[in-house]
Amino acid sequence: MLSVGTKAPDFTLPDQNGDMHSLSDYKGKRVILYFYPKDNTPGCSKQACGFSERYPQIISKGAVVLGISKDSVASHKKFETNYNLGFTLLSDPDRKVIEAYDVWKEKKNYGKVSMGVVRTTYLIDENGIIVMANDKVKAAEDPENMLGKL
């Protein structure tokens, strides 16, 4: 996990519509940047729906939400459609950004060890500085917690 007070690494990734987004595009806004393991899974769906429900409030506080996973653009589009999500999902199949933000880690699930995305949320200020980092995210609680941090 990257440290609070450090500059957030810039990146350019495609969204669920294939449009390119860079972190630098959001200079002047706060960014809730969250990394999640997989589209259309129970925990990830709860987290995404929570952010989508709160998105109008998040926007009104001068912030945006960007969700990143290694799923494809097509998978993100299906996820967006299935849950009527109202924010940007970014596709990082090569894990360049996932690794730059230090969220690709060894995970244990039912005794089995594998590599994967550790659910992590960053709050980045208007100048691109990380002001909050959490890698102990509870999917269902994260959106409300982040709204409270804004």
N, C-alpha and C. Protein backbone atom coordinates (compact mmCIF):
# COMPACT_ATOMS: atom_id res chain seq x y z
N MET A 1 0.86 -1.18 0.00
CA MET A 1 0.00 0.00 0.00
C MET A 1 0.90 1.24 0.00
N LEU A 2 0.51 2.24 -0.76
CA LEU A 2 1.28 3.48 -0.82
C LEU A 2 1.01 4.31 0.43
N SER A 3 1.98 5.12 0.80
CA SER A 3 1.89 5.90 2.03
C SER A 3 1.12 7.20 1.85
N VAL A 4 0.41 7.57 2.93
CA VAL A 4 -0.24 8.87 2.99
C VAL A 4 0.85 9.93 2.88
N GLY A 5 0.56 10.99 2.12
CA GLY A 5 1.51 12.08 1.95
C GLY A 5 2.35 11.97 0.69
N THR A 6 2.28 10.81 0.00
CA THR A 6 3.04 10.66 -1.24
C THR A 6 2.18 11.04 -2.43
N LYS A 7 2.85 11.37 -3.52
CA LYS A 7 2.15 11.71 -4.76
C LYS A 7 1.58 10.42 -5.35
N ALA A 8 0.33 10.46 -5.73
CA ALA A 8 -0.31 9.29 -6.34
C ALA A 8 0.26 9.10 -7.75
N PRO A 9 0.68 7.88 -8.10
CA PRO A 9 1.19 7.65 -9.45
C PRO A 9 0.12 7.95 -10.51
N ASP A 10 0.50 8.71 -11.53
CA ASP A 10 -0.44 8.98 -12.62
C ASP A 10 -0.59 7.72 -13.47
N PHE A 11 -1.66 7.65 -14.21
CA PHE A 11 -1.92 6.49 -15.06
C PHE A 11 -2.91 6.90 -16.14
N THR A 12 -2.99 6.07 -17.16
CA THR A 12 -4.02 6.22 -18.20
C THR A 12 -4.56 4.82 -18.47
N LEU A 13 -5.89 4.67 -18.29
CA LEU A 13 -6.56 3.38 -18.49
C LEU A 13 -7.89 3.60 -19.20
N PRO A 14 -8.40 2.56 -19.90
CA PRO A 14 -9.71 2.66 -20.52
C PRO A 14 -10.83 2.39 -19.51
N ASP A 15 -11.95 3.10 -19.71
CA ASP A 15 -13.12 2.86 -18.87
C ASP A 15 -14.04 1.83 -19.52
N GLN A 16 -15.22 1.66 -18.92
CA GLN A 16 -16.17 0.64 -19.38
C GLN A 16 -16.70 0.92 -20.78
N ASN A 17 -16.47 2.14 -21.31
CA ASN A 17 -16.89 2.46 -22.68
C ASN A 17 -15.71 2.51 -23.64
N GLY A 18 -14.50 2.22 -23.12
CA GLY A 18 -13.31 2.26 -23.96
C GLY A 18 -12.66 3.64 -24.01
N ASP A 19 -13.23 4.63 -23.32
CA ASP A 19 -12.64 5.98 -23.27
C ASP A 19 -11.47 5.99 -22.29
N MET A 20 -10.44 6.74 -22.61
CA MET A 20 -9.24 6.78 -21.78
C MET A 20 -9.37 7.83 -20.67
N HIS A 21 -8.88 7.46 -19.49
CA HIS A 21 -8.88 8.35 -18.33
C HIS A 21 -7.49 8.34 -17.71
N SER A 22 -7.03 9.53 -17.33
CA SER A 22 -5.77 9.67 -16.59
C SER A 22 -6.10 10.26 -15.23
N LEU A 23 -5.31 9.92 -14.23
CA LEU A 23 -5.52 10.53 -12.92
C LEU A 23 -5.37 12.04 -13.03
N SER A 24 -4.43 12.49 -13.86
CA SER A 24 -4.19 13.93 -14.02
C SER A 24 -5.41 14.66 -14.60
N ASP A 25 -6.33 13.93 -15.25
CA ASP A 25 -7.57 14.55 -15.75
C ASP A 25 -8.42 15.12 -14.61
N TYR A 26 -8.18 14.62 -13.40
CA TYR A 26 -9.03 14.97 -12.26
C TYR A 26 -8.35 15.97 -11.31
N LYS A 27 -7.27 16.60 -11.79
CA LYS A 27 -6.59 17.62 -10.97
C LYS A 27 -7.62 18.68 -10.58
N GLY A 28 -7.61 19.08 -9.32
CA GLY A 28 -8.59 20.05 -8.84
C GLY A 28 -9.81 19.41 -8.19
N LYS A 29 -9.91 18.09 -8.30
CA LYS A 29 -10.98 17.34 -7.63
C LYS A 29 -10.34 16.31 -6.71
N ARG A 30 -11.09 15.92 -5.69
CA ARG A 30 -10.63 14.80 -4.87
C ARG A 30 -11.08 13.52 -5.57
N VAL A 31 -10.27 12.49 -5.45
CA VAL A 31 -10.55 11.22 -6.13
C VAL A 31 -10.57 10.10 -5.10
N ILE A 32 -11.70 9.37 -5.07
CA ILE A 32 -11.77 8.12 -4.34
C ILE A 32 -11.36 7.06 -5.36
N LEU A 33 -10.17 6.52 -5.17
CA LEU A 33 -9.63 5.53 -6.09
C LEU A 33 -9.66 4.19 -5.37
N TYR A 34 -10.51 3.29 -5.86
CA TYR A 34 -10.58 2.00 -5.16
C TYR A 34 -10.26 0.86 -6.10
N PHE A 35 -9.56 -0.11 -5.56
CA PHE A 35 -9.15 -1.30 -6.28
C PHE A 35 -9.96 -2.47 -5.74
N TYR A 36 -10.49 -3.26 -6.65
CA TYR A 36 -11.33 -4.39 -6.23
C TYR A 36 -10.98 -5.62 -7.05
N PRO A 37 -11.24 -6.82 -6.49
CA PRO A 37 -10.80 -8.05 -7.16
C PRO A 37 -11.50 -8.40 -8.46
N LYS A 38 -12.85 -8.35 -8.52
CA LYS A 38 -13.53 -8.91 -9.69
C LYS A 38 -14.94 -8.39 -9.87
N ASP A 39 -15.27 -8.05 -11.11
CA ASP A 39 -16.63 -7.63 -11.46
C ASP A 39 -17.64 -8.72 -11.15
N ASN A 40 -18.85 -8.29 -10.82
CA ASN A 40 -20.01 -9.19 -10.67
C ASN A 40 -19.82 -10.29 -9.62
N THR A 41 -19.05 -10.00 -8.57
CA THR A 41 -18.95 -10.91 -7.44
C THR A 41 -19.66 -10.23 -6.26
N PRO A 42 -20.10 -10.99 -5.26
CA PRO A 42 -20.95 -10.39 -4.21
C PRO A 42 -20.34 -9.18 -3.50
N GLY A 43 -19.11 -9.30 -3.00
CA GLY A 43 -18.50 -8.18 -2.28
C GLY A 43 -18.25 -6.98 -3.17
N CYS A 44 -17.74 -7.24 -4.36
CA CYS A 44 -17.43 -6.16 -5.29
C CYS A 44 -18.71 -5.46 -5.76
N SER A 45 -19.77 -6.22 -5.92
CA SER A 45 -21.05 -5.64 -6.33
C SER A 45 -21.63 -4.76 -5.22
N LYS A 46 -21.53 -5.21 -3.97
CA LYS A 46 -22.00 -4.39 -2.84
C LYS A 46 -21.25 -3.08 -2.77
N GLN A 47 -19.93 -3.16 -2.91
CA GLN A 47 -19.11 -1.96 -2.84
C GLN A 47 -19.44 -1.00 -3.99
N ALA A 48 -19.53 -1.52 -5.21
CA ALA A 48 -19.82 -0.68 -6.37
C ALA A 48 -21.21 -0.05 -6.27
N CYS A 49 -22.20 -0.83 -5.86
CA CYS A 49 -23.56 -0.29 -5.71
C CYS A 49 -23.60 0.80 -4.64
N GLY A 50 -22.84 0.59 -3.56
CA GLY A 50 -22.77 1.60 -2.51
C GLY A 50 -22.19 2.91 -3.02
N PHE A 51 -21.13 2.83 -3.81
CA PHE A 51 -20.54 4.04 -4.38
C PHE A 51 -21.52 4.68 -5.37
N SER A 52 -22.20 3.87 -6.16
CA SER A 52 -23.14 4.39 -7.14
C SER A 52 -24.31 5.12 -6.45
N GLU A 53 -24.84 4.53 -5.39
CA GLU A 53 -25.95 5.16 -4.65
C GLU A 53 -25.53 6.51 -4.06
N ARG A 54 -24.29 6.60 -3.62
CA ARG A 54 -23.80 7.83 -2.96
C ARG A 54 -23.13 8.79 -3.93
N TYR A 55 -23.06 8.43 -5.21
CA TYR A 55 -22.31 9.24 -6.16
C TYR A 55 -22.79 10.69 -6.24
N PRO A 56 -24.09 10.95 -6.25
CA PRO A 56 -24.51 12.37 -6.28
C PRO A 56 -23.97 13.16 -5.08
N GLN A 57 -23.95 12.56 -3.90
CA GLN A 57 -23.41 13.24 -2.72
C GLN A 57 -21.90 13.42 -2.85
N ILE A 58 -21.22 12.42 -3.39
CA ILE A 58 -19.78 12.49 -3.57
C ILE A 58 -19.43 13.62 -4.54
N ILE A 59 -20.15 13.70 -5.66
CA ILE A 59 -19.94 14.76 -6.65
C ILE A 59 -20.18 16.13 -6.00
N SER A 60 -21.24 16.22 -5.18
CA SER A 60 -21.57 17.51 -4.55
C SER A 60 -20.47 17.96 -3.58
N LYS A 61 -19.62 17.03 -3.15
CA LYS A 61 -18.51 17.37 -2.26
C LYS A 61 -17.20 17.58 -3.05
N GLY A 62 -17.33 17.68 -4.36
CA GLY A 62 -16.15 17.97 -5.19
C GLY A 62 -15.24 16.78 -5.43
N ALA A 63 -15.80 15.59 -5.39
CA ALA A 63 -14.98 14.39 -5.57
C ALA A 63 -15.57 13.50 -6.67
N VAL A 64 -14.77 12.54 -7.12
CA VAL A 64 -15.21 11.53 -8.07
C VAL A 64 -14.78 10.16 -7.56
N VAL A 65 -15.38 9.12 -8.11
CA VAL A 65 -15.01 7.74 -7.77
C VAL A 65 -14.46 7.08 -9.03
N LEU A 66 -13.33 6.42 -8.89
CA LEU A 66 -12.77 5.59 -9.95
C LEU A 66 -12.52 4.21 -9.36
N GLY A 67 -13.11 3.18 -9.97
CA GLY A 67 -12.88 1.80 -9.55
C GLY A 67 -11.97 1.11 -10.53
N ILE A 68 -10.98 0.39 -10.04
CA ILE A 68 -10.03 -0.31 -10.92
C ILE A 68 -9.97 -1.79 -10.56
N SER A 69 -10.05 -2.63 -11.59
CA SER A 69 -9.76 -4.06 -11.44
C SER A 69 -9.04 -4.51 -12.70
N LYS A 70 -8.61 -5.77 -12.71
CA LYS A 70 -7.93 -6.28 -13.90
C LYS A 70 -8.91 -6.86 -14.92
N ASP A 71 -10.21 -6.71 -14.65
CA ASP A 71 -11.21 -7.18 -15.61
C ASP A 71 -11.16 -6.35 -16.90
N SER A 72 -11.67 -6.93 -17.97
CA SER A 72 -11.66 -6.28 -19.28
C SER A 72 -12.68 -5.15 -19.36
N VAL A 73 -12.54 -4.33 -20.39
CA VAL A 73 -13.51 -3.26 -20.67
C VAL A 73 -14.90 -3.88 -20.84
N ALA A 74 -15.00 -4.99 -21.57
CA ALA A 74 -16.29 -5.65 -21.79
C ALA A 74 -16.90 -6.13 -20.48
N SER A 75 -16.08 -6.69 -19.60
CA SER A 75 -16.56 -7.14 -18.30
C SER A 75 -17.07 -5.95 -17.48
N HIS A 76 -16.33 -4.84 -17.51
CA HIS A 76 -16.76 -3.62 -16.80
C HIS A 76 -18.09 -3.12 -17.34
N LYS A 77 -18.27 -3.17 -18.66
CA LYS A 77 -19.52 -2.69 -19.27
C LYS A 77 -20.69 -3.54 -18.77
N LYS A 78 -20.49 -4.84 -18.73
CA LYS A 78 -21.53 -5.75 -18.24
C LYS A 78 -21.84 -5.46 -16.77
N PHE A 79 -20.80 -5.25 -15.96
CA PHE A 79 -20.95 -4.93 -14.54
C PHE A 79 -21.74 -3.63 -14.37
N GLU A 80 -21.36 -2.62 -15.14
CA GLU A 80 -22.06 -1.33 -15.09
C GLU A 80 -23.54 -1.51 -15.44
N THR A 81 -23.81 -2.26 -16.49
CA THR A 81 -25.19 -2.48 -16.95
C THR A 81 -25.99 -3.29 -15.94
N ASN A 82 -25.40 -4.37 -15.42
CA ASN A 82 -26.10 -5.24 -14.46
C ASN A 82 -26.58 -4.47 -13.23
N TYR A 83 -25.77 -3.51 -12.78
CA TYR A 83 -26.07 -2.82 -11.52
C TYR A 83 -26.38 -1.33 -11.71
N ASN A 84 -26.49 -0.89 -12.97
CA ASN A 84 -26.79 0.51 -13.28
C ASN A 84 -25.84 1.44 -12.52
N LEU A 85 -24.54 1.16 -12.63
CA LEU A 85 -23.54 1.94 -11.91
C LEU A 85 -23.36 3.32 -12.54
N GLY A 86 -23.17 4.31 -11.70
CA GLY A 86 -23.11 5.68 -12.18
C GLY A 86 -21.74 6.33 -12.10
N PHE A 87 -20.68 5.54 -12.09
CA PHE A 87 -19.34 6.11 -12.01
C PHE A 87 -18.40 5.32 -12.91
N THR A 88 -17.15 5.74 -12.96
CA THR A 88 -16.17 5.19 -13.89
C THR A 88 -15.46 3.96 -13.34
N LEU A 89 -15.44 2.91 -14.16
CA LEU A 89 -14.68 1.69 -13.87
C LEU A 89 -13.52 1.64 -14.86
N LEU A 90 -12.32 1.40 -14.38
CA LEU A 90 -11.15 1.38 -15.24
C LEU A 90 -10.57 -0.03 -15.32
N SER A 91 -10.16 -0.40 -16.52
CA SER A 91 -9.66 -1.74 -16.80
C SER A 91 -8.14 -1.75 -16.83
N ASP A 92 -7.54 -2.62 -16.01
CA ASP A 92 -6.08 -2.73 -15.91
C ASP A 92 -5.66 -4.20 -16.03
N PRO A 93 -5.91 -4.83 -17.21
CA PRO A 93 -5.61 -6.26 -17.35
C PRO A 93 -4.12 -6.58 -17.23
N ASP A 94 -3.24 -5.63 -17.53
CA ASP A 94 -1.80 -5.86 -17.42
C ASP A 94 -1.27 -5.59 -16.02
N ARG A 95 -2.15 -5.11 -15.13
CA ARG A 95 -1.84 -4.85 -13.71
C ARG A 95 -0.79 -3.77 -13.50
N LYS A 96 -0.56 -2.92 -14.49
CA LYS A 96 0.46 -1.87 -14.33
C LYS A 96 0.09 -0.91 -13.20
N VAL A 97 -1.16 -0.46 -13.18
CA VAL A 97 -1.60 0.48 -12.15
C VAL A 97 -1.81 -0.25 -10.83
N ILE A 98 -2.38 -1.44 -10.90
CA ILE A 98 -2.59 -2.27 -9.70
C ILE A 98 -1.25 -2.47 -8.98
N GLU A 99 -0.20 -2.75 -9.73
CA GLU A 99 1.11 -2.96 -9.12
C GLU A 99 1.74 -1.63 -8.68
N ALA A 100 1.52 -0.55 -9.44
CA ALA A 100 2.06 0.77 -9.07
C ALA A 100 1.48 1.24 -7.73
N TYR A 101 0.23 0.86 -7.46
CA TYR A 101 -0.42 1.23 -6.20
C TYR A 101 -0.25 0.15 -5.12
N ASP A 102 0.56 -0.85 -5.42
CA ASP A 102 0.94 -1.88 -4.45
C ASP A 102 -0.26 -2.63 -3.86
N VAL A 103 -1.19 -3.03 -4.72
CA VAL A 103 -2.35 -3.78 -4.24
C VAL A 103 -2.40 -5.21 -4.81
N TRP A 104 -1.38 -5.62 -5.55
CA TRP A 104 -1.27 -7.00 -6.05
C TRP A 104 -0.44 -7.77 -5.03
N LYS A 105 -1.10 -8.63 -4.28
CA LYS A 105 -0.44 -9.26 -3.14
C LYS A 105 -0.81 -10.75 -3.05
N GLU A 106 -0.08 -11.43 -2.18
CA GLU A 106 -0.42 -12.81 -1.86
C GLU A 106 -1.67 -12.80 -0.98
N LYS A 107 -2.62 -13.64 -1.33
CA LYS A 107 -3.87 -13.74 -0.56
C LYS A 107 -4.08 -15.18 -0.15
N LYS A 108 -4.73 -15.35 0.99
CA LYS A 108 -5.08 -16.70 1.45
C LYS A 108 -6.60 -16.80 1.50
N ASN A 109 -7.12 -17.86 0.89
CA ASN A 109 -8.55 -18.09 0.88
C ASN A 109 -8.79 -19.58 1.14
N TYR A 110 -9.39 -19.88 2.27
CA TYR A 110 -9.64 -21.28 2.65
C TYR A 110 -8.36 -22.10 2.61
N GLY A 111 -7.25 -21.49 3.09
CA GLY A 111 -5.98 -22.19 3.15
C GLY A 111 -5.20 -22.19 1.85
N LYS A 112 -5.83 -21.77 0.74
CA LYS A 112 -5.15 -21.75 -0.55
C LYS A 112 -4.49 -20.38 -0.73
N VAL A 113 -3.23 -20.38 -1.15
CA VAL A 113 -2.49 -19.14 -1.36
C VAL A 113 -2.45 -18.83 -2.84
N SER A 114 -2.78 -17.58 -3.18
CA SER A 114 -2.70 -17.15 -4.58
C SER A 114 -2.42 -15.66 -4.61
N MET A 115 -2.08 -15.16 -5.78
CA MET A 115 -1.86 -13.72 -5.95
C MET A 115 -3.17 -13.09 -6.44
N GLY A 116 -3.43 -11.89 -5.96
CA GLY A 116 -4.64 -11.20 -6.39
C GLY A 116 -4.67 -9.77 -5.89
N VAL A 117 -5.73 -9.07 -6.28
CA VAL A 117 -5.92 -7.68 -5.86
C VAL A 117 -6.47 -7.68 -4.44
N VAL A 118 -5.79 -6.97 -3.56
CA VAL A 118 -6.28 -6.76 -2.20
C VAL A 118 -7.17 -5.52 -2.25
N ARG A 119 -8.41 -5.68 -1.84
CA ARG A 119 -9.37 -4.57 -1.86
C ARG A 119 -8.77 -3.39 -1.07
N THR A 120 -8.54 -2.28 -1.77
CA THR A 120 -7.86 -1.13 -1.19
C THR A 120 -8.51 0.15 -1.71
N THR A 121 -8.65 1.14 -0.83
CA THR A 121 -9.22 2.42 -1.22
C THR A 121 -8.26 3.53 -0.84
N TYR A 122 -8.04 4.43 -1.79
CA TYR A 122 -7.21 5.61 -1.58
C TYR A 122 -8.09 6.85 -1.74
N LEU A 123 -7.82 7.88 -0.95
CA LEU A 123 -8.40 9.20 -1.17
C LEU A 123 -7.25 10.09 -1.59
N ILE A 124 -7.39 10.69 -2.75
CA ILE A 124 -6.36 11.54 -3.33
C ILE A 124 -6.88 12.97 -3.38
N ASP A 125 -6.08 13.92 -2.91
CA ASP A 125 -6.56 15.30 -2.86
C ASP A 125 -6.47 15.99 -4.22
N GLU A 126 -6.86 17.26 -4.24
CA GLU A 126 -6.94 18.04 -5.49
C GLU A 126 -5.59 18.19 -6.19
N ASN A 127 -4.51 17.99 -5.44
CA ASN A 127 -3.16 18.14 -6.01
C ASN A 127 -2.49 16.80 -6.30
N GLY A 128 -3.25 15.70 -6.18
CA GLY A 128 -2.70 14.39 -6.51
C GLY A 128 -1.92 13.74 -5.38
N ILE A 129 -2.14 14.20 -4.15
CA ILE A 129 -1.44 13.63 -2.98
C ILE A 129 -2.39 12.65 -2.27
N ILE A 130 -1.86 11.50 -1.89
CA ILE A 130 -2.66 10.51 -1.15
C ILE A 130 -2.87 11.04 0.27
N VAL A 131 -4.14 11.22 0.65
CA VAL A 131 -4.44 11.72 2.00
C VAL A 131 -5.05 10.64 2.89
N MET A 132 -5.44 9.52 2.29
CA MET A 132 -5.95 8.39 3.06
C MET A 132 -5.70 7.11 2.27
N ALA A 133 -5.31 6.06 2.97
CA ALA A 133 -5.08 4.76 2.34
C ALA A 133 -5.60 3.68 3.27
N ASN A 134 -6.42 2.77 2.74
CA ASN A 134 -7.01 1.72 3.56
C ASN A 134 -6.96 0.39 2.80
N ASP A 135 -6.24 -0.58 3.36
CA ASP A 135 -6.23 -1.91 2.75
C ASP A 135 -6.95 -2.94 3.62
N LYS A 136 -7.73 -2.45 4.56
CA LYS A 136 -8.58 -3.32 5.41
C LYS A 136 -10.04 -2.98 5.12
N VAL A 137 -10.37 -2.93 3.85
CA VAL A 137 -11.68 -2.46 3.40
C VAL A 137 -12.74 -3.53 3.59
N LYS A 138 -13.86 -3.14 4.18
CA LYS A 138 -15.06 -3.98 4.21
C LYS A 138 -15.95 -3.45 3.08
N ALA A 139 -16.18 -4.29 2.09
CA ALA A 139 -16.83 -3.86 0.85
C ALA A 139 -18.14 -3.10 1.09
N ALA A 140 -19.00 -3.64 1.95
CA ALA A 140 -20.32 -3.03 2.16
C ALA A 140 -20.23 -1.69 2.89
N GLU A 141 -19.19 -1.49 3.69
CA GLU A 141 -19.07 -0.27 4.51
C GLU A 141 -18.23 0.82 3.85
N ASP A 142 -17.41 0.47 2.89
CA ASP A 142 -16.45 1.40 2.29
C ASP A 142 -17.09 2.66 1.71
N PRO A 143 -18.16 2.55 0.91
CA PRO A 143 -18.73 3.77 0.32
C PRO A 143 -19.19 4.79 1.37
N GLU A 144 -19.87 4.34 2.41
CA GLU A 144 -20.34 5.25 3.45
C GLU A 144 -19.15 5.84 4.21
N ASN A 145 -18.14 5.01 4.51
CA ASN A 145 -16.95 5.49 5.18
C ASN A 145 -16.25 6.57 4.37
N MET A 146 -16.13 6.34 3.07
CA MET A 146 -15.44 7.31 2.21
C MET A 146 -16.24 8.59 2.09
N LEU A 147 -17.55 8.49 2.00
CA LEU A 147 -18.38 9.70 1.96
C LEU A 147 -18.13 10.54 3.21
N GLY A 148 -18.00 9.88 4.34
CA GLY A 148 -17.73 10.57 5.60
C GLY A 148 -16.38 11.24 5.65
N LYS A 149 -15.41 10.74 4.86
CA LYS A 149 -14.06 11.31 4.83
C LYS A 149 -13.98 12.57 3.97
N LEU A 150 -14.97 12.78 3.13
CA LEU A 150 -14.90 13.91 2.18
C LEU A 150 -15.17 15.25 2.84
